[in-house]
Amino acid sequence: RSGTKVTKKVIKAARKLEIVARAGVGVDNIDIPAATEAGIL
């Protein structure tokens, strides 16, 4: 939701991660460029 920050460091550590789902409106707490680069939806 809004409490957890999905940072570039978190995304780099996420070897199996395929998707991050935000249970809410925005995605400002998720590093979109880092997720896109890692192929994470």
ModelCIF file with pLDDT and N, C-alpha, C, O atoms, coordinates in Angstrom:
data_MODEL
#
_entry.id   MODEL 
#
_entity.id                         1 
_entity.type                       polymer 
_entity.pdbx_number_of_molecules   1 
#
_entity_poly.entity_id                      1 
_entity_poly.type                           'polypeptide(L)' 
_entity_poly.nstd_linkage                   no 
_entity_poly.nstd_monomer                   no 
_entity_poly.pdbx_seq_one_letter_code       RSGTKVTKKVIKAARKLEIVARAGVGVDNIDIPAATEAGIL 
_entity_poly.pdbx_seq_one_letter_code_can   RSGTKVTKKVIKAARKLEIVARAGVGVDNIDIPAATEAGIL 
_entity_poly.pdbx_strand_id                 A 
#
loop_
_entity_poly_seq.entity_id 
_entity_poly_seq.num 
_entity_poly_seq.mon_id 
_entity_poly_seq.hetero 
1 1  ARG n 
1 2  SER n 
1 3  GLY n 
1 4  THR n 
1 5  LYS n 
1 6  VAL n 
1 7  THR n 
1 8  LYS n 
1 9  LYS n 
1 10 VAL n 
1 11 ILE n 
1 12 LYS n 
1 13 ALA n 
1 14 ALA n 
1 15 ARG n 
1 16 LYS n 
1 17 LEU n 
1 18 GLU n 
1 19 ILE n 
1 20 VAL n 
1 21 ALA n 
1 22 ARG n 
1 23 ALA n 
1 24 GLY n 
1 25 VAL n 
1 26 GLY n 
1 27 VAL n 
1 28 ASP n 
1 29 ASN n 
1 30 ILE n 
1 31 ASP n 
1 32 ILE n 
1 33 PRO n 
1 34 ALA n 
1 35 ALA n 
1 36 THR n 
1 37 GLU n 
1 38 ALA n 
1 39 GLY n 
1 40 ILE n 
1 41 LEU n 
#
_struct_asym.id          A 
_struct_asym.entity_id   1 
#
loop_
_ma_qa_metric.id 
_ma_qa_metric.mode 
_ma_qa_metric.name 
_ma_qa_metric.software_group_id 
_ma_qa_metric.type 
1 global pLDDT . pLDDT 
2 local  pLDDT . pLDDT 
#
_ma_qa_metric_global.metric_id      1 
_ma_qa_metric_global.metric_value   95.83 
_ma_qa_metric_global.model_id       1 
_ma_qa_metric_global.ordinal_id     1 
#
loop_
_ma_qa_metric_local.label_asym_id 
_ma_qa_metric_local.label_comp_id 
_ma_qa_metric_local.label_seq_id 
_ma_qa_metric_local.metric_id 
_ma_qa_metric_local.metric_value 
_ma_qa_metric_local.model_id 
_ma_qa_metric_local.ordinal_id 
A ARG 1  2 94.00 1 1  
A SER 2  2 91.00 1 2  
A GLY 3  2 95.00 1 3  
A THR 4  2 97.00 1 4  
A LYS 5  2 97.00 1 5  
A VAL 6  2 98.00 1 6  
A THR 7  2 97.00 1 7  
A LYS 8  2 98.00 1 8  
A LYS 9  2 98.00 1 9  
A VAL 10 2 98.00 1 10 
A ILE 11 2 98.00 1 11 
A LYS 12 2 97.00 1 12 
A ALA 13 2 97.00 1 13 
A ALA 14 2 96.00 1 14 
A ARG 15 2 94.00 1 15 
A LYS 16 2 97.00 1 16 
A LEU 17 2 97.00 1 17 
A GLU 18 2 98.00 1 18 
A ILE 19 2 98.00 1 19 
A VAL 20 2 98.00 1 20 
A ALA 21 2 97.00 1 21 
A ARG 22 2 96.00 1 22 
A ALA 23 2 92.00 1 23 
A GLY 24 2 87.00 1 24 
A VAL 25 2 86.00 1 25 
A GLY 26 2 87.00 1 26 
A VAL 27 2 93.00 1 27 
A ASP 28 2 94.00 1 28 
A ASN 29 2 96.00 1 29 
A ILE 30 2 98.00 1 30 
A ASP 31 2 97.00 1 31 
A ILE 32 2 97.00 1 32 
A PRO 33 2 97.00 1 33 
A ALA 34 2 98.00 1 34 
A ALA 35 2 98.00 1 35 
A THR 36 2 97.00 1 36 
A GLU 37 2 97.00 1 37 
A ALA 38 2 97.00 1 38 
A GLY 39 2 97.00 1 39 
A ILE 40 2 98.00 1 40 
A LEU 41 2 97.00 1 41 
#
loop_
_atom_site.group_PDB 
_atom_site.id 
_atom_site.type_symbol 
_atom_site.label_atom_id 
_atom_site.label_alt_id 
_atom_site.label_comp_id 
_atom_site.label_asym_id 
_atom_site.label_entity_id 
_atom_site.label_seq_id 
_atom_site.pdbx_PDB_ins_code 
_atom_site.Cartn_x 
_atom_site.Cartn_y 
_atom_site.Cartn_z 
_atom_site.occupancy 
_atom_site.B_iso_or_equiv 
_atom_site.pdbx_formal_charge 
_atom_site.auth_seq_id 
_atom_site.auth_comp_id 
_atom_site.auth_asym_id 
_atom_site.auth_atom_id 
_atom_site.pdbx_PDB_model_num 
ATOM 1   N N  . ARG A 1 1  ? 0.887  -1.164  0.000   1.00 94.00 ? 1  ARG A N  1 
ATOM 2   C CA . ARG A 1 1  ? 0.000  0.000   0.000   1.00 94.00 ? 1  ARG A CA 1 
ATOM 3   C C  . ARG A 1 1  ? 0.921  1.209   0.000   1.00 94.00 ? 1  ARG A C  1 
ATOM 4   O O  . ARG A 1 1  ? 1.867  1.249   -0.787  1.00 94.00 ? 1  ARG A O  1 
ATOM 5   N N  . SER A 1 2  ? 0.681  2.184   0.844   1.00 91.00 ? 2  SER A N  1 
ATOM 6   C CA . SER A 1 2  ? 1.545  3.370   0.827   1.00 91.00 ? 2  SER A CA 1 
ATOM 7   C C  . SER A 1 2  ? 2.683  3.298   1.833   1.00 91.00 ? 2  SER A C  1 
ATOM 8   O O  . SER A 1 2  ? 3.597  4.120   1.773   1.00 91.00 ? 2  SER A O  1 
ATOM 9   N N  . GLY A 1 3  ? 2.656  2.347   2.751   1.00 95.00 ? 3  GLY A N  1 
ATOM 10  C CA . GLY A 1 3  ? 3.665  2.282   3.799   1.00 95.00 ? 3  GLY A CA 1 
ATOM 11  C C  . GLY A 1 3  ? 5.010  1.762   3.362   1.00 95.00 ? 3  GLY A C  1 
ATOM 12  O O  . GLY A 1 3  ? 6.038  2.215   3.866   1.00 95.00 ? 3  GLY A O  1 
ATOM 13  N N  . THR A 1 4  ? 5.033  0.835   2.450   1.00 97.00 ? 4  THR A N  1 
ATOM 14  C CA . THR A 1 4  ? 6.282  0.203   2.017   1.00 97.00 ? 4  THR A CA 1 
ATOM 15  C C  . THR A 1 4  ? 6.851  0.931   0.806   1.00 97.00 ? 4  THR A C  1 
ATOM 16  O O  . THR A 1 4  ? 6.146  1.183   -0.171  1.00 97.00 ? 4  THR A O  1 
ATOM 17  N N  . LYS A 1 5  ? 8.121  1.262   0.886   1.00 97.00 ? 5  LYS A N  1 
ATOM 18  C CA . LYS A 1 5  ? 8.816  1.905   -0.231  1.00 97.00 ? 5  LYS A CA 1 
ATOM 19  C C  . LYS A 1 5  ? 9.573  0.820   -1.002  1.00 97.00 ? 5  LYS A C  1 
ATOM 20  O O  . LYS A 1 5  ? 10.457 0.160   -0.456  1.00 97.00 ? 5  LYS A O  1 
ATOM 21  N N  . VAL A 1 6  ? 9.219  0.648   -2.258  1.00 98.00 ? 6  VAL A N  1 
ATOM 22  C CA . VAL A 1 6  ? 9.890  -0.338  -3.114  1.00 98.00 ? 6  VAL A CA 1 
ATOM 23  C C  . VAL A 1 6  ? 10.973 0.417   -3.876  1.00 98.00 ? 6  VAL A C  1 
ATOM 24  O O  . VAL A 1 6  ? 10.747 0.948   -4.963  1.00 98.00 ? 6  VAL A O  1 
ATOM 25  N N  . THR A 1 7  ? 12.148 0.448   -3.270  1.00 97.00 ? 7  THR A N  1 
ATOM 26  C CA . THR A 1 7  ? 13.270 1.232   -3.789  1.00 97.00 ? 7  THR A CA 1 
ATOM 27  C C  . THR A 1 7  ? 14.083 0.433   -4.808  1.00 97.00 ? 7  THR A C  1 
ATOM 28  O O  . THR A 1 7  ? 13.854 -0.757  -5.025  1.00 97.00 ? 7  THR A O  1 
ATOM 29  N N  . LYS A 1 8  ? 15.019 1.113   -5.411  1.00 98.00 ? 8  LYS A N  1 
ATOM 30  C CA . LYS A 1 8  ? 15.926 0.473   -6.363  1.00 98.00 ? 8  LYS A CA 1 
ATOM 31  C C  . LYS A 1 8  ? 16.698 -0.662  -5.693  1.00 98.00 ? 8  LYS A C  1 
ATOM 32  O O  . LYS A 1 8  ? 16.908 -1.711  -6.303  1.00 98.00 ? 8  LYS A O  1 
ATOM 33  N N  . LYS A 1 9  ? 17.124 -0.461  -4.440  1.00 98.00 ? 9  LYS A N  1 
ATOM 34  C CA . LYS A 1 9  ? 17.846 -1.505  -3.706  1.00 98.00 ? 9  LYS A CA 1 
ATOM 35  C C  . LYS A 1 9  ? 16.970 -2.738  -3.496  1.00 98.00 ? 9  LYS A C  1 
ATOM 36  O O  . LYS A 1 9  ? 17.438 -3.868  -3.634  1.00 98.00 ? 9  LYS A O  1 
ATOM 37  N N  . VAL A 1 10 ? 15.714 -2.521  -3.165  1.00 98.00 ? 10 VAL A N  1 
ATOM 38  C CA . VAL A 1 10 ? 14.777 -3.641  -2.973  1.00 98.00 ? 10 VAL A CA 1 
ATOM 39  C C  . VAL A 1 10 ? 14.599 -4.386  -4.294  1.00 98.00 ? 10 VAL A C  1 
ATOM 40  O O  . VAL A 1 10 ? 14.632 -5.616  -4.322  1.00 98.00 ? 10 VAL A O  1 
ATOM 41  N N  . ILE A 1 11 ? 14.413 -3.656  -5.372  1.00 98.00 ? 11 ILE A N  1 
ATOM 42  C CA . ILE A 1 11 ? 14.202 -4.268  -6.684  1.00 98.00 ? 11 ILE A CA 1 
ATOM 43  C C  . ILE A 1 11 ? 15.434 -5.063  -7.126  1.00 98.00 ? 11 ILE A C  1 
ATOM 44  O O  . ILE A 1 11 ? 15.298 -6.147  -7.693  1.00 98.00 ? 11 ILE A O  1 
ATOM 45  N N  . LYS A 1 12 ? 16.622 -4.535  -6.872  1.00 97.00 ? 12 LYS A N  1 
ATOM 46  C CA . LYS A 1 12 ? 17.840 -5.266  -7.235  1.00 97.00 ? 12 LYS A CA 1 
ATOM 47  C C  . LYS A 1 12 ? 17.960 -6.584  -6.473  1.00 97.00 ? 12 LYS A C  1 
ATOM 48  O O  . LYS A 1 12 ? 18.503 -7.558  -6.994  1.00 97.00 ? 12 LYS A O  1 
ATOM 49  N N  . ALA A 1 13 ? 17.456 -6.614  -5.246  1.00 97.00 ? 13 ALA A N  1 
ATOM 50  C CA . ALA A 1 13 ? 17.517 -7.834  -4.429  1.00 97.00 ? 13 ALA A CA 1 
ATOM 51  C C  . ALA A 1 13 ? 16.440 -8.849  -4.811  1.00 97.00 ? 13 ALA A C  1 
ATOM 52  O O  . ALA A 1 13 ? 16.516 -10.013 -4.420  1.00 97.00 ? 13 ALA A O  1 
ATOM 53  N N  . ALA A 1 14 ? 15.457 -8.416  -5.562  1.00 96.00 ? 14 ALA A N  1 
ATOM 54  C CA . ALA A 1 14 ? 14.292 -9.238  -5.883  1.00 96.00 ? 14 ALA A CA 1 
ATOM 55  C C  . ALA A 1 14 ? 14.569 -10.113 -7.110  1.00 96.00 ? 14 ALA A C  1 
ATOM 56  O O  . ALA A 1 14 ? 14.159 -9.784  -8.223  1.00 96.00 ? 14 ALA A O  1 
ATOM 57  N N  . ARG A 1 15 ? 15.256 -11.208 -6.894  1.00 94.00 ? 15 ARG A N  1 
ATOM 58  C CA . ARG A 1 15 ? 15.675 -12.062 -8.014  1.00 94.00 ? 15 ARG A CA 1 
ATOM 59  C C  . ARG A 1 15 ? 14.517 -12.747 -8.746  1.00 94.00 ? 15 ARG A C  1 
ATOM 60  O O  . ARG A 1 15 ? 14.588 -12.953 -9.958  1.00 94.00 ? 15 ARG A O  1 
ATOM 61  N N  . LYS A 1 16 ? 13.460 -13.096 -8.023  1.00 97.00 ? 16 LYS A N  1 
ATOM 62  C CA . LYS A 1 16 ? 12.336 -13.829 -8.624  1.00 97.00 ? 16 LYS A CA 1 
ATOM 63  C C  . LYS A 1 16 ? 11.122 -12.945 -8.887  1.00 97.00 ? 16 LYS A C  1 
ATOM 64  O O  . LYS A 1 16 ? 10.160 -13.391 -9.512  1.00 97.00 ? 16 LYS A O  1 
ATOM 65  N N  . LEU A 1 17 ? 11.152 -11.725 -8.429  1.00 97.00 ? 17 LEU A N  1 
ATOM 66  C CA . LEU A 1 17 ? 9.974  -10.863 -8.477  1.00 97.00 ? 17 LEU A CA 1 
ATOM 67  C C  . LEU A 1 17 ? 9.534  -10.581 -9.909  1.00 97.00 ? 17 LEU A C  1 
ATOM 68  O O  . LEU A 1 17 ? 10.337 -10.185 -10.754 1.00 97.00 ? 17 LEU A O  1 
ATOM 69  N N  . GLU A 1 18 ? 8.244  -10.791 -10.164 1.00 98.00 ? 18 GLU A N  1 
ATOM 70  C CA . GLU A 1 18 ? 7.672  -10.542 -11.484 1.00 98.00 ? 18 GLU A CA 1 
ATOM 71  C C  . GLU A 1 18 ? 6.694  -9.381  -11.491 1.00 98.00 ? 18 GLU A C  1 
ATOM 72  O O  . GLU A 1 18 ? 6.481  -8.742  -12.521 1.00 98.00 ? 18 GLU A O  1 
ATOM 73  N N  . ILE A 1 19 ? 6.092  -9.108  -10.316 1.00 98.00 ? 19 ILE A N  1 
ATOM 74  C CA . ILE A 1 19 ? 5.065  -8.073  -10.252 1.00 98.00 ? 19 ILE A CA 1 
ATOM 75  C C  . ILE A 1 19 ? 5.028  -7.452  -8.861  1.00 98.00 ? 19 ILE A C  1 
ATOM 76  O O  . ILE A 1 19 ? 5.189  -8.135  -7.849  1.00 98.00 ? 19 ILE A O  1 
ATOM 77  N N  . VAL A 1 20 ? 4.809  -6.121  -8.838  1.00 98.00 ? 20 VAL A N  1 
ATOM 78  C CA . VAL A 1 20 ? 4.534  -5.394  -7.603  1.00 98.00 ? 20 VAL A CA 1 
ATOM 79  C C  . VAL A 1 20 ? 3.149  -4.799  -7.780  1.00 98.00 ? 20 VAL A C  1 
ATOM 80  O O  . VAL A 1 20 ? 2.906  -4.046  -8.724  1.00 98.00 ? 20 VAL A O  1 
ATOM 81  N N  . ALA A 1 21 ? 2.246  -5.134  -6.877  1.00 97.00 ? 21 ALA A N  1 
ATOM 82  C CA . ALA A 1 21 ? 0.877  -4.625  -6.946  1.00 97.00 ? 21 ALA A CA 1 
ATOM 83  C C  . ALA A 1 21 ? 0.650  -3.624  -5.825  1.00 97.00 ? 21 ALA A C  1 
ATOM 84  O O  . ALA A 1 21 ? 0.856  -3.930  -4.650  1.00 97.00 ? 21 ALA A O  1 
ATOM 85  N N  . ARG A 1 22 ? 0.229  -2.446  -6.196  1.00 96.00 ? 22 ARG A N  1 
ATOM 86  C CA . ARG A 1 22 ? -0.091 -1.415  -5.209  1.00 96.00 ? 22 ARG A CA 1 
ATOM 87  C C  . ARG A 1 22 ? -1.594 -1.469  -4.963  1.00 96.00 ? 22 ARG A C  1 
ATOM 88  O O  . ARG A 1 22 ? -2.388 -1.212  -5.868  1.00 96.00 ? 22 ARG A O  1 
ATOM 89  N N  . ALA A 1 23 ? -1.979 -1.804  -3.739  1.00 92.00 ? 23 ALA A N  1 
ATOM 90  C CA . ALA A 1 23 ? -3.389 -1.823  -3.356  1.00 92.00 ? 23 ALA A CA 1 
ATOM 91  C C  . ALA A 1 23 ? -3.792 -0.390  -3.033  1.00 92.00 ? 23 ALA A C  1 
ATOM 92  O O  . ALA A 1 23 ? -3.945 -0.015  -1.871  1.00 92.00 ? 23 ALA A O  1 
ATOM 93  N N  . GLY A 1 24 ? -3.960 0.395   -4.080  1.00 87.00 ? 24 GLY A N  1 
ATOM 94  C CA . GLY A 1 24 ? -4.287 1.800   -3.936  1.00 87.00 ? 24 GLY A CA 1 
ATOM 95  C C  . GLY A 1 24 ? -4.130 2.520   -5.254  1.00 87.00 ? 24 GLY A C  1 
ATOM 96  O O  . GLY A 1 24 ? -3.888 1.902   -6.290  1.00 87.00 ? 24 GLY A O  1 
ATOM 97  N N  . VAL A 1 25 ? -4.268 3.826   -5.207  1.00 86.00 ? 25 VAL A N  1 
ATOM 98  C CA . VAL A 1 25 ? -4.312 4.627   -6.421  1.00 86.00 ? 25 VAL A CA 1 
ATOM 99  C C  . VAL A 1 25 ? -2.944 4.864   -7.046  1.00 86.00 ? 25 VAL A C  1 
ATOM 100 O O  . VAL A 1 25 ? -2.741 4.533   -8.214  1.00 86.00 ? 25 VAL A O  1 
ATOM 101 N N  . GLY A 1 26 ? -2.016 5.417   -6.310  1.00 87.00 ? 26 GLY A N  1 
ATOM 102 C CA . GLY A 1 26 ? -0.740 5.831   -6.886  1.00 87.00 ? 26 GLY A CA 1 
ATOM 103 C C  . GLY A 1 26 ? 0.308  4.741   -6.861  1.00 87.00 ? 26 GLY A C  1 
ATOM 104 O O  . GLY A 1 26 ? 0.096  3.653   -6.326  1.00 87.00 ? 26 GLY A O  1 
ATOM 105 N N  . VAL A 1 27 ? 1.435  5.060   -7.449  1.00 93.00 ? 27 VAL A N  1 
ATOM 106 C CA . VAL A 1 27 ? 2.597  4.172   -7.419  1.00 93.00 ? 27 VAL A CA 1 
ATOM 107 C C  . VAL A 1 27 ? 3.849  4.972   -7.070  1.00 93.00 ? 27 VAL A C  1 
ATOM 108 O O  . VAL A 1 27 ? 4.961  4.589   -7.434  1.00 93.00 ? 27 VAL A O  1 
ATOM 109 N N  . ASP A 1 28 ? 3.660  6.083   -6.363  1.00 94.00 ? 28 ASP A N  1 
ATOM 110 C CA . ASP A 1 28 ? 4.772  6.973   -6.027  1.00 94.00 ? 28 ASP A CA 1 
ATOM 111 C C  . ASP A 1 28 ? 5.753  6.356   -5.040  1.00 94.00 ? 28 ASP A C  1 
ATOM 112 O O  . ASP A 1 28 ? 6.856  6.877   -4.872  1.00 94.00 ? 28 ASP A O  1 
ATOM 113 N N  . ASN A 1 29 ? 5.388  5.278   -4.393  1.00 96.00 ? 29 ASN A N  1 
ATOM 114 C CA . ASN A 1 29 ? 6.290  4.604   -3.452  1.00 96.00 ? 29 ASN A CA 1 
ATOM 115 C C  . ASN A 1 29 ? 7.046  3.444   -4.104  1.00 96.00 ? 29 ASN A C  1 
ATOM 116 O O  . ASN A 1 29 ? 7.709  2.665   -3.420  1.00 96.00 ? 29 ASN A O  1 
ATOM 117 N N  . ILE A 1 30 ? 6.942  3.340   -5.412  1.00 98.00 ? 30 ILE A N  1 
ATOM 118 C CA . ILE A 1 30 ? 7.611  2.268   -6.155  1.00 98.00 ? 30 ILE A CA 1 
ATOM 119 C C  . ILE A 1 30 ? 8.536  2.910   -7.185  1.00 98.00 ? 30 ILE A C  1 
ATOM 120 O O  . ILE A 1 30 ? 8.120  3.802   -7.925  1.00 98.00 ? 30 ILE A O  1 
ATOM 121 N N  . ASP A 1 31 ? 9.783  2.462   -7.234  1.00 97.00 ? 31 ASP A N  1 
ATOM 122 C CA . ASP A 1 31 ? 10.741 2.990   -8.206  1.00 97.00 ? 31 ASP A CA 1 
ATOM 123 C C  . ASP A 1 31 ? 10.425 2.356   -9.565  1.00 97.00 ? 31 ASP A C  1 
ATOM 124 O O  . ASP A 1 31 ? 10.910 1.271   -9.886  1.00 97.00 ? 31 ASP A O  1 
ATOM 125 N N  . ILE A 1 32 ? 9.613  3.047   -10.343 1.00 97.00 ? 32 ILE A N  1 
ATOM 126 C CA . ILE A 1 32 ? 9.141  2.530   -11.639 1.00 97.00 ? 32 ILE A CA 1 
ATOM 127 C C  . ILE A 1 32 ? 10.292 2.308   -12.614 1.00 97.00 ? 32 ILE A C  1 
ATOM 128 O O  . ILE A 1 32 ? 10.347 1.246   -13.235 1.00 97.00 ? 32 ILE A O  1 
ATOM 129 N N  . PRO A 1 33 ? 11.222 3.262   -12.780 1.00 97.00 ? 33 PRO A N  1 
ATOM 130 C CA . PRO A 1 33 ? 12.322 3.013   -13.722 1.00 97.00 ? 33 PRO A CA 1 
ATOM 131 C C  . PRO A 1 33 ? 13.142 1.769   -13.358 1.00 97.00 ? 33 PRO A C  1 
ATOM 132 O O  . PRO A 1 33 ? 13.518 0.994   -14.237 1.00 97.00 ? 33 PRO A O  1 
ATOM 133 N N  . ALA A 1 34 ? 13.417 1.581   -12.064 1.00 98.00 ? 34 ALA A N  1 
ATOM 134 C CA . ALA A 1 34 ? 14.189 0.403   -11.642 1.00 98.00 ? 34 ALA A CA 1 
ATOM 135 C C  . ALA A 1 34 ? 13.400 -0.876  -11.897 1.00 98.00 ? 34 ALA A C  1 
ATOM 136 O O  . ALA A 1 34 ? 13.964 -1.880  -12.332 1.00 98.00 ? 34 ALA A O  1 
ATOM 137 N N  . ALA A 1 35 ? 12.101 -0.840  -11.627 1.00 98.00 ? 35 ALA A N  1 
ATOM 138 C CA . ALA A 1 35 ? 11.259 -2.020  -11.871 1.00 98.00 ? 35 ALA A CA 1 
ATOM 139 C C  . ALA A 1 35 ? 11.193 -2.332  -13.362 1.00 98.00 ? 35 ALA A C  1 
ATOM 140 O O  . ALA A 1 35 ? 11.285 -3.495  -13.754 1.00 98.00 ? 35 ALA A O  1 
ATOM 141 N N  . THR A 1 36 ? 11.038 -1.319  -14.185 1.00 97.00 ? 36 THR A N  1 
ATOM 142 C CA . THR A 1 36 ? 10.979 -1.508  -15.637 1.00 97.00 ? 36 THR A CA 1 
ATOM 143 C C  . THR A 1 36 ? 12.279 -2.107  -16.152 1.00 97.00 ? 36 THR A C  1 
ATOM 144 O O  . THR A 1 36 ? 12.267 -3.033  -16.962 1.00 97.00 ? 36 THR A O  1 
ATOM 145 N N  . GLU A 1 37 ? 13.392 -1.578  -15.680 1.00 97.00 ? 37 GLU A N  1 
ATOM 146 C CA . GLU A 1 37 ? 14.700 -2.083  -16.089 1.00 97.00 ? 37 GLU A CA 1 
ATOM 147 C C  . GLU A 1 37 ? 14.877 -3.556  -15.695 1.00 97.00 ? 37 GLU A C  1 
ATOM 148 O O  . GLU A 1 37 ? 15.521 -4.327  -16.407 1.00 97.00 ? 37 GLU A O  1 
ATOM 149 N N  . ALA A 1 38 ? 14.299 -3.928  -14.555 1.00 97.00 ? 38 ALA A N  1 
ATOM 150 C CA . ALA A 1 38 ? 14.416 -5.309  -14.079 1.00 97.00 ? 38 ALA A CA 1 
ATOM 151 C C  . ALA A 1 38 ? 13.348 -6.229  -14.674 1.00 97.00 ? 38 ALA A C  1 
ATOM 152 O O  . ALA A 1 38 ? 13.335 -7.426  -14.386 1.00 97.00 ? 38 ALA A O  1 
ATOM 153 N N  . GLY A 1 39 ? 12.456 -5.680  -15.500 1.00 97.00 ? 39 GLY A N  1 
ATOM 154 C CA . GLY A 1 39 ? 11.399 -6.482  -16.110 1.00 97.00 ? 39 GLY A CA 1 
ATOM 155 C C  . GLY A 1 39 ? 10.267 -6.828  -15.150 1.00 97.00 ? 39 GLY A C  1 
ATOM 156 O O  . GLY A 1 39 ? 9.561  -7.817  -15.345 1.00 97.00 ? 39 GLY A O  1 
ATOM 157 N N  . ILE A 1 40 ? 10.097 -6.013  -14.118 1.00 98.00 ? 40 ILE A N  1 
ATOM 158 C CA . ILE A 1 40 ? 9.051  -6.244  -13.124 1.00 98.00 ? 40 ILE A CA 1 
ATOM 159 C C  . ILE A 1 40 ? 7.850  -5.371  -13.459 1.00 98.00 ? 40 ILE A C  1 
ATOM 160 O O  . ILE A 1 40 ? 7.973  -4.156  -13.615 1.00 98.00 ? 40 ILE A O  1 
ATOM 161 N N  . LEU A 1 41 ? 6.696  -6.003  -13.566 1.00 97.00 ? 41 LEU A N  1 
ATOM 162 C CA . LEU A 1 41 ? 5.450  -5.303  -13.850 1.00 97.00 ? 41 LEU A CA 1 
ATOM 163 C C  . LEU A 1 41 ? 4.977  -4.593  -12.580 1.00 97.00 ? 41 LEU A C  1 
ATOM 164 O O  . LEU A 1 41 ? 3.936  -3.936  -12.591 1.00 97.00 ? 41 LEU A O  1 
#
